[in-house]
Structure formats: structure tokens, C-alpha cells
Amino acid sequence: MSSIYQINKGINKPIEFRGLYGQYIAYLAVGLVLLLLSFTLMYILGVPLVVVVPVIVLLGAALFLVVSRLSKRFGVHGLSKYFAKRGLPAYLKFSSRRVFTGLQVAQSNAERQRV
């Protein structure tokens, strides 16, 4: 007896479009919109099309190349982890012990409230 319902096997998988994962699709979309706006701005300013079209095509190719490399290098969540790790300081330097004694007091107060 076969079931009527189809099983969705793609649950909890990241969104993928032609090898781009997750947020890289949004990066590409925003880049393409910016390219479109820059094309219209240059066209309105009177820059010749012989100059505008190659510039936009080269910038578009560079955009696709950079976004695809980022997607392949970092994966779905790797870019955000990379920037988070870069944001951590190499070391912490304190000139007094007051920070640590304040933490102990705060911790003991929190334990008193639980009980």
C-alpha cells in the first residue's frame, strides 16, 4: 500500500542556487541591482555606451567570480564565522582586579535568586 503524500527530503538543507549557498544568493542579487543602478546612472550622465557596457560586463563578471569563490571557500555559515573570529581580540588586559571581584559578586547574587 503506497502513501498518497510525498516525502520532502530537503528539510533543513540550505538554500542552493547553481552552487551558491544561503546568503551568497542575496549578495549576488544586491550586487546585480547595484550594477543596474550604476549602468542607468552612467547612461543618464551621458557616458558613451562603448565605455558603459564593457565596464558593467567586467564588473558583473568580477561580481560572479568573487561571490562564487566566497561560496566555495566558506560554505553556508563559514563567512559569518570568519568575521566573528576576526572580531575577537587576541588578548584582554585588565589593570585592576575589580572586574573579576564584581563578577564573583554578580554570580553569587544570581545563585541566591535561583534558590
N, C-alpha and C. Protein backbone atom coordinates (compact mmCIF):
# COMPACT_ATOMS: atom_id res chain seq x y z
N MET A 1 0.83 -1.16 0.00
CA MET A 1 0.00 0.00 0.00
C MET A 1 0.89 1.24 0.00
N SER A 2 0.81 2.02 -1.03
CA SER A 2 1.65 3.22 -1.14
C SER A 2 0.92 4.42 -0.55
N SER A 3 1.71 5.35 -0.09
CA SER A 3 1.11 6.52 0.53
C SER A 3 0.80 7.58 -0.53
N ILE A 4 -0.15 8.40 -0.24
CA ILE A 4 -0.56 9.46 -1.15
C ILE A 4 0.39 10.64 -1.06
N TYR A 5 0.98 10.84 0.11
CA TYR A 5 1.79 12.02 0.37
C TYR A 5 3.23 11.79 -0.06
N GLN A 6 3.83 12.82 -0.61
CA GLN A 6 5.24 12.74 -0.97
C GLN A 6 6.09 13.18 0.22
N ILE A 7 7.25 12.58 0.35
CA ILE A 7 8.13 12.92 1.45
C ILE A 7 9.09 14.00 0.99
N ASN A 8 9.18 15.07 1.78
CA ASN A 8 10.10 16.16 1.47
C ASN A 8 11.45 15.83 2.09
N LYS A 9 12.42 15.50 1.26
CA LYS A 9 13.73 15.11 1.76
C LYS A 9 14.69 16.29 1.84
N GLY A 10 14.23 17.49 1.55
CA GLY A 10 15.09 18.65 1.56
C GLY A 10 14.96 19.50 2.81
N ILE A 11 14.37 18.94 3.85
CA ILE A 11 14.20 19.71 5.09
C ILE A 11 15.55 19.93 5.75
N ASN A 12 15.75 21.12 6.29
CA ASN A 12 16.98 21.53 6.98
C ASN A 12 18.20 21.61 6.08
N LYS A 13 18.02 21.59 4.79
CA LYS A 13 19.13 21.79 3.88
C LYS A 13 19.19 23.27 3.52
N PRO A 14 20.40 23.81 3.33
CA PRO A 14 20.49 25.23 2.98
C PRO A 14 19.97 25.48 1.57
N ILE A 15 19.53 26.69 1.33
CA ILE A 15 19.08 27.08 0.00
C ILE A 15 20.28 27.08 -0.93
N GLU A 16 20.12 26.48 -2.10
CA GLU A 16 21.21 26.43 -3.06
C GLU A 16 20.70 26.81 -4.44
N PHE A 17 21.45 27.65 -5.12
CA PHE A 17 21.11 28.04 -6.49
C PHE A 17 22.39 28.06 -7.30
N ARG A 18 22.54 27.10 -8.17
CA ARG A 18 23.70 26.99 -9.06
C ARG A 18 25.03 27.07 -8.32
N GLY A 19 25.13 26.36 -7.22
CA GLY A 19 26.37 26.30 -6.46
C GLY A 19 26.54 27.39 -5.42
N LEU A 20 25.62 28.35 -5.37
CA LEU A 20 25.68 29.41 -4.36
C LEU A 20 24.78 29.02 -3.20
N TYR A 21 25.30 29.17 -1.99
CA TYR A 21 24.55 28.77 -0.81
C TYR A 21 24.11 29.99 -0.01
N GLY A 22 22.92 29.90 0.55
CA GLY A 22 22.41 30.83 1.55
C GLY A 22 22.56 32.30 1.22
N GLN A 23 23.34 32.99 2.04
CA GLN A 23 23.44 34.44 1.93
C GLN A 23 24.15 34.90 0.68
N TYR A 24 24.91 34.01 0.03
CA TYR A 24 25.64 34.41 -1.18
C TYR A 24 24.68 34.70 -2.33
N ILE A 25 23.52 34.10 -2.32
CA ILE A 25 22.49 34.42 -3.32
C ILE A 25 22.05 35.88 -3.13
N ALA A 26 21.88 36.28 -1.88
CA ALA A 26 21.49 37.67 -1.60
C ALA A 26 22.61 38.63 -1.98
N TYR A 27 23.87 38.25 -1.70
CA TYR A 27 24.99 39.11 -2.08
C TYR A 27 25.02 39.31 -3.60
N LEU A 28 24.79 38.26 -4.34
CA LEU A 28 24.78 38.36 -5.79
C LEU A 28 23.62 39.23 -6.28
N ALA A 29 22.46 39.07 -5.67
CA ALA A 29 21.30 39.87 -6.07
C ALA A 29 21.53 41.35 -5.79
N VAL A 30 22.07 41.67 -4.63
CA VAL A 30 22.35 43.07 -4.30
C VAL A 30 23.40 43.64 -5.24
N GLY A 31 24.42 42.85 -5.56
CA GLY A 31 25.45 43.30 -6.50
C GLY A 31 24.89 43.56 -7.88
N LEU A 32 23.98 42.70 -8.34
CA LEU A 32 23.38 42.90 -9.65
C LEU A 32 22.49 44.15 -9.68
N VAL A 33 21.78 44.39 -8.60
CA VAL A 33 20.95 45.61 -8.53
C VAL A 33 21.84 46.85 -8.56
N LEU A 34 22.96 46.81 -7.82
CA LEU A 34 23.90 47.94 -7.84
C LEU A 34 24.50 48.14 -9.23
N LEU A 35 24.78 47.04 -9.93
CA LEU A 35 25.28 47.17 -11.30
C LEU A 35 24.23 47.80 -12.21
N LEU A 36 22.98 47.42 -12.04
CA LEU A 36 21.91 48.00 -12.84
C LEU A 36 21.77 49.50 -12.57
N LEU A 37 21.84 49.86 -11.29
CA LEU A 37 21.74 51.28 -10.94
C LEU A 37 22.94 52.08 -11.46
N SER A 38 24.12 51.49 -11.39
CA SER A 38 25.30 52.20 -11.92
C SER A 38 25.23 52.34 -13.43
N PHE A 39 24.69 51.33 -14.12
CA PHE A 39 24.50 51.43 -15.57
C PHE A 39 23.56 52.58 -15.92
N THR A 40 22.43 52.64 -15.20
CA THR A 40 21.47 53.71 -15.50
C THR A 40 22.06 55.09 -15.16
N LEU A 41 22.81 55.19 -14.08
CA LEU A 41 23.41 56.47 -13.71
C LEU A 41 24.41 56.93 -14.77
N MET A 42 25.28 56.00 -15.22
CA MET A 42 26.26 56.37 -16.24
C MET A 42 25.58 56.73 -17.56
N TYR A 43 24.50 56.01 -17.89
CA TYR A 43 23.78 56.28 -19.13
C TYR A 43 23.12 57.66 -19.07
N ILE A 44 22.54 57.99 -17.90
CA ILE A 44 21.88 59.29 -17.75
C ILE A 44 22.90 60.42 -17.77
N LEU A 45 24.10 60.18 -17.22
CA LEU A 45 25.13 61.21 -17.22
C LEU A 45 25.75 61.44 -18.59
N GLY A 46 25.44 60.57 -19.55
CA GLY A 46 25.91 60.78 -20.91
C GLY A 46 27.20 60.09 -21.25
N VAL A 47 27.62 59.14 -20.46
CA VAL A 47 28.83 58.37 -20.78
C VAL A 47 28.51 57.50 -22.00
N PRO A 48 29.40 57.46 -22.99
CA PRO A 48 29.11 56.67 -24.19
C PRO A 48 28.92 55.18 -23.88
N LEU A 49 28.01 54.55 -24.62
CA LEU A 49 27.72 53.13 -24.40
C LEU A 49 28.92 52.24 -24.68
N VAL A 50 29.85 52.73 -25.51
CA VAL A 50 31.05 51.95 -25.82
C VAL A 50 31.90 51.80 -24.55
N VAL A 51 31.77 52.75 -23.63
CA VAL A 51 32.51 52.68 -22.37
C VAL A 51 31.67 51.99 -21.29
N VAL A 52 30.37 52.29 -21.25
CA VAL A 52 29.50 51.80 -20.18
C VAL A 52 29.35 50.28 -20.22
N VAL A 53 29.06 49.74 -21.38
CA VAL A 53 28.77 48.31 -21.48
C VAL A 53 29.97 47.45 -21.09
N PRO A 54 31.18 47.70 -21.59
CA PRO A 54 32.30 46.86 -21.14
C PRO A 54 32.59 46.98 -19.64
N VAL A 55 32.43 48.18 -19.09
CA VAL A 55 32.67 48.36 -17.66
C VAL A 55 31.67 47.53 -16.84
N ILE A 56 30.42 47.59 -17.21
CA ILE A 56 29.39 46.85 -16.48
C ILE A 56 29.59 45.35 -16.66
N VAL A 57 29.95 44.92 -17.85
CA VAL A 57 30.17 43.48 -18.09
C VAL A 57 31.36 42.99 -17.27
N LEU A 58 32.43 43.76 -17.23
CA LEU A 58 33.60 43.35 -16.44
C LEU A 58 33.29 43.34 -14.94
N LEU A 59 32.58 44.35 -14.47
CA LEU A 59 32.20 44.37 -13.05
C LEU A 59 31.25 43.23 -12.71
N GLY A 60 30.35 42.90 -13.63
CA GLY A 60 29.44 41.77 -13.41
C GLY A 60 30.17 40.45 -13.36
N ALA A 61 31.15 40.27 -14.26
CA ALA A 61 31.95 39.04 -14.25
C ALA A 61 32.76 38.94 -12.96
N ALA A 62 33.32 40.07 -12.52
CA ALA A 62 34.07 40.07 -11.27
C ALA A 62 33.16 39.76 -10.08
N LEU A 63 31.94 40.29 -10.11
CA LEU A 63 30.98 40.00 -9.04
C LEU A 63 30.66 38.51 -8.96
N PHE A 64 30.37 37.90 -10.11
CA PHE A 64 30.08 36.46 -10.14
C PHE A 64 31.27 35.66 -9.65
N LEU A 65 32.46 36.05 -10.07
CA LEU A 65 33.67 35.33 -9.68
C LEU A 65 33.91 35.42 -8.18
N VAL A 66 33.81 36.61 -7.62
CA VAL A 66 34.07 36.80 -6.19
C VAL A 66 33.03 36.09 -5.34
N VAL A 67 31.76 36.21 -5.70
CA VAL A 67 30.71 35.58 -4.91
C VAL A 67 30.82 34.05 -4.99
N SER A 68 31.11 33.51 -6.15
CA SER A 68 31.24 32.06 -6.26
C SER A 68 32.45 31.55 -5.49
N ARG A 69 33.55 32.31 -5.49
CA ARG A 69 34.72 31.91 -4.71
C ARG A 69 34.43 31.95 -3.21
N LEU A 70 33.72 32.99 -2.76
CA LEU A 70 33.36 33.06 -1.36
C LEU A 70 32.46 31.89 -0.96
N SER A 71 31.52 31.55 -1.83
CA SER A 71 30.61 30.45 -1.54
C SER A 71 31.36 29.12 -1.46
N LYS A 72 32.30 28.91 -2.36
CA LYS A 72 33.06 27.66 -2.34
C LYS A 72 34.04 27.61 -1.18
N ARG A 73 34.64 28.76 -0.83
CA ARG A 73 35.65 28.77 0.23
C ARG A 73 35.04 28.63 1.62
N PHE A 74 33.95 29.38 1.89
CA PHE A 74 33.41 29.42 3.24
C PHE A 74 32.19 28.56 3.45
N GLY A 75 31.46 28.21 2.42
CA GLY A 75 30.27 27.39 2.61
C GLY A 75 29.10 28.21 3.13
N VAL A 76 28.16 27.51 3.77
CA VAL A 76 26.91 28.14 4.16
C VAL A 76 27.10 29.17 5.27
N HIS A 77 27.73 28.79 6.38
CA HIS A 77 27.86 29.70 7.52
C HIS A 77 29.29 30.14 7.76
N GLY A 78 30.21 29.74 6.91
CA GLY A 78 31.62 29.98 7.16
C GLY A 78 32.03 31.43 7.12
N LEU A 79 31.41 32.24 6.28
CA LEU A 79 31.79 33.65 6.19
C LEU A 79 31.44 34.39 7.47
N SER A 80 30.27 34.13 8.02
CA SER A 80 29.91 34.79 9.27
C SER A 80 30.80 34.31 10.42
N LYS A 81 31.18 33.04 10.42
CA LYS A 81 32.10 32.54 11.44
C LYS A 81 33.48 33.18 11.28
N TYR A 82 33.90 33.38 10.05
CA TYR A 82 35.19 34.00 9.77
C TYR A 82 35.24 35.43 10.32
N PHE A 83 34.18 36.21 10.04
CA PHE A 83 34.14 37.59 10.54
C PHE A 83 33.98 37.64 12.06
N ALA A 84 33.27 36.68 12.62
CA ALA A 84 33.13 36.64 14.08
C ALA A 84 34.48 36.33 14.73
N LYS A 85 35.24 35.43 14.14
CA LYS A 85 36.55 35.09 14.70
C LYS A 85 37.51 36.27 14.56
N ARG A 86 37.43 37.00 13.47
CA ARG A 86 38.28 38.18 13.30
C ARG A 86 37.94 39.27 14.30
N GLY A 87 36.71 39.30 14.77
CA GLY A 87 36.28 40.32 15.72
C GLY A 87 36.73 40.06 17.14
N LEU A 88 37.21 38.85 17.43
CA LEU A 88 37.68 38.54 18.79
C LEU A 88 39.05 39.18 19.02
N PRO A 89 39.27 39.72 20.20
CA PRO A 89 40.59 40.28 20.49
C PRO A 89 41.61 39.17 20.72
N ALA A 90 42.87 39.48 20.50
CA ALA A 90 43.93 38.49 20.70
C ALA A 90 44.12 38.21 22.19
N TYR A 91 43.99 39.24 23.01
CA TYR A 91 44.10 39.06 24.46
C TYR A 91 43.34 40.18 25.15
N LEU A 92 43.06 39.99 26.44
CA LEU A 92 42.41 41.00 27.26
C LEU A 92 43.38 41.47 28.33
N LYS A 93 43.40 42.76 28.57
CA LYS A 93 44.32 43.31 29.56
C LYS A 93 43.52 44.12 30.57
N PHE A 94 43.65 43.76 31.84
CA PHE A 94 42.97 44.47 32.92
C PHE A 94 44.02 45.09 33.83
N SER A 95 43.75 46.30 34.31
CA SER A 95 44.69 46.96 35.20
C SER A 95 44.31 46.79 36.67
N SER A 96 43.13 46.26 36.93
CA SER A 96 42.75 46.02 38.33
C SER A 96 41.95 44.72 38.42
N ARG A 97 41.80 44.25 39.65
CA ARG A 97 41.04 43.02 39.88
C ARG A 97 39.57 43.29 40.08
N ARG A 98 39.15 44.53 40.05
CA ARG A 98 37.76 44.89 40.34
C ARG A 98 36.78 44.20 39.37
N VAL A 99 37.20 44.02 38.13
CA VAL A 99 36.34 43.35 37.15
C VAL A 99 36.02 41.94 37.61
N PHE A 100 37.02 41.24 38.09
CA PHE A 100 36.82 39.85 38.49
C PHE A 100 36.06 39.74 39.81
N THR A 101 36.32 40.63 40.74
CA THR A 101 35.59 40.57 42.00
C THR A 101 34.13 40.94 41.79
N GLY A 102 33.87 41.85 40.87
CA GLY A 102 32.48 42.19 40.54
C GLY A 102 31.75 41.02 39.91
N LEU A 103 32.44 40.23 39.13
CA LEU A 103 31.82 39.06 38.52
C LEU A 103 31.46 38.02 39.57
N GLN A 104 32.30 37.84 40.56
CA GLN A 104 32.01 36.87 41.61
C GLN A 104 30.79 37.28 42.41
N VAL A 105 30.65 38.55 42.69
CA VAL A 105 29.50 39.04 43.44
C VAL A 105 28.24 38.87 42.62
N ALA A 106 28.31 39.21 41.35
CA ALA A 106 27.15 39.08 40.49
C ALA A 106 26.75 37.62 40.36
N GLN A 107 27.71 36.72 40.30
CA GLN A 107 27.41 35.31 40.17
C GLN A 107 26.75 34.79 41.43
N SER A 108 27.24 35.20 42.59
CA SER A 108 26.64 34.72 43.83
C SER A 108 25.23 35.28 44.00
N ASN A 109 24.98 36.52 43.58
CA ASN A 109 23.63 37.07 43.63
C ASN A 109 22.68 36.31 42.73
N ALA A 110 23.16 35.92 41.57
CA ALA A 110 22.32 35.15 40.66
C ALA A 110 21.98 33.79 41.25
N GLU A 111 22.94 33.18 41.93
CA GLU A 111 22.68 31.89 42.56
C GLU A 111 21.69 32.03 43.71
N ARG A 112 21.74 33.15 44.44
CA ARG A 112 20.80 33.37 45.54
C ARG A 112 19.38 33.53 45.03
N GLN A 113 19.22 34.16 43.86
CA GLN A 113 17.89 34.36 43.31
C GLN A 113 17.28 33.06 42.84
N ARG A 114 18.10 32.12 42.40
CA ARG A 114 17.58 30.83 41.93
C ARG A 114 17.02 30.02 43.09
N VAL A 115 17.66 30.12 44.25
CA VAL A 115 17.26 29.31 45.41
C VAL A 115 16.10 29.93 46.09
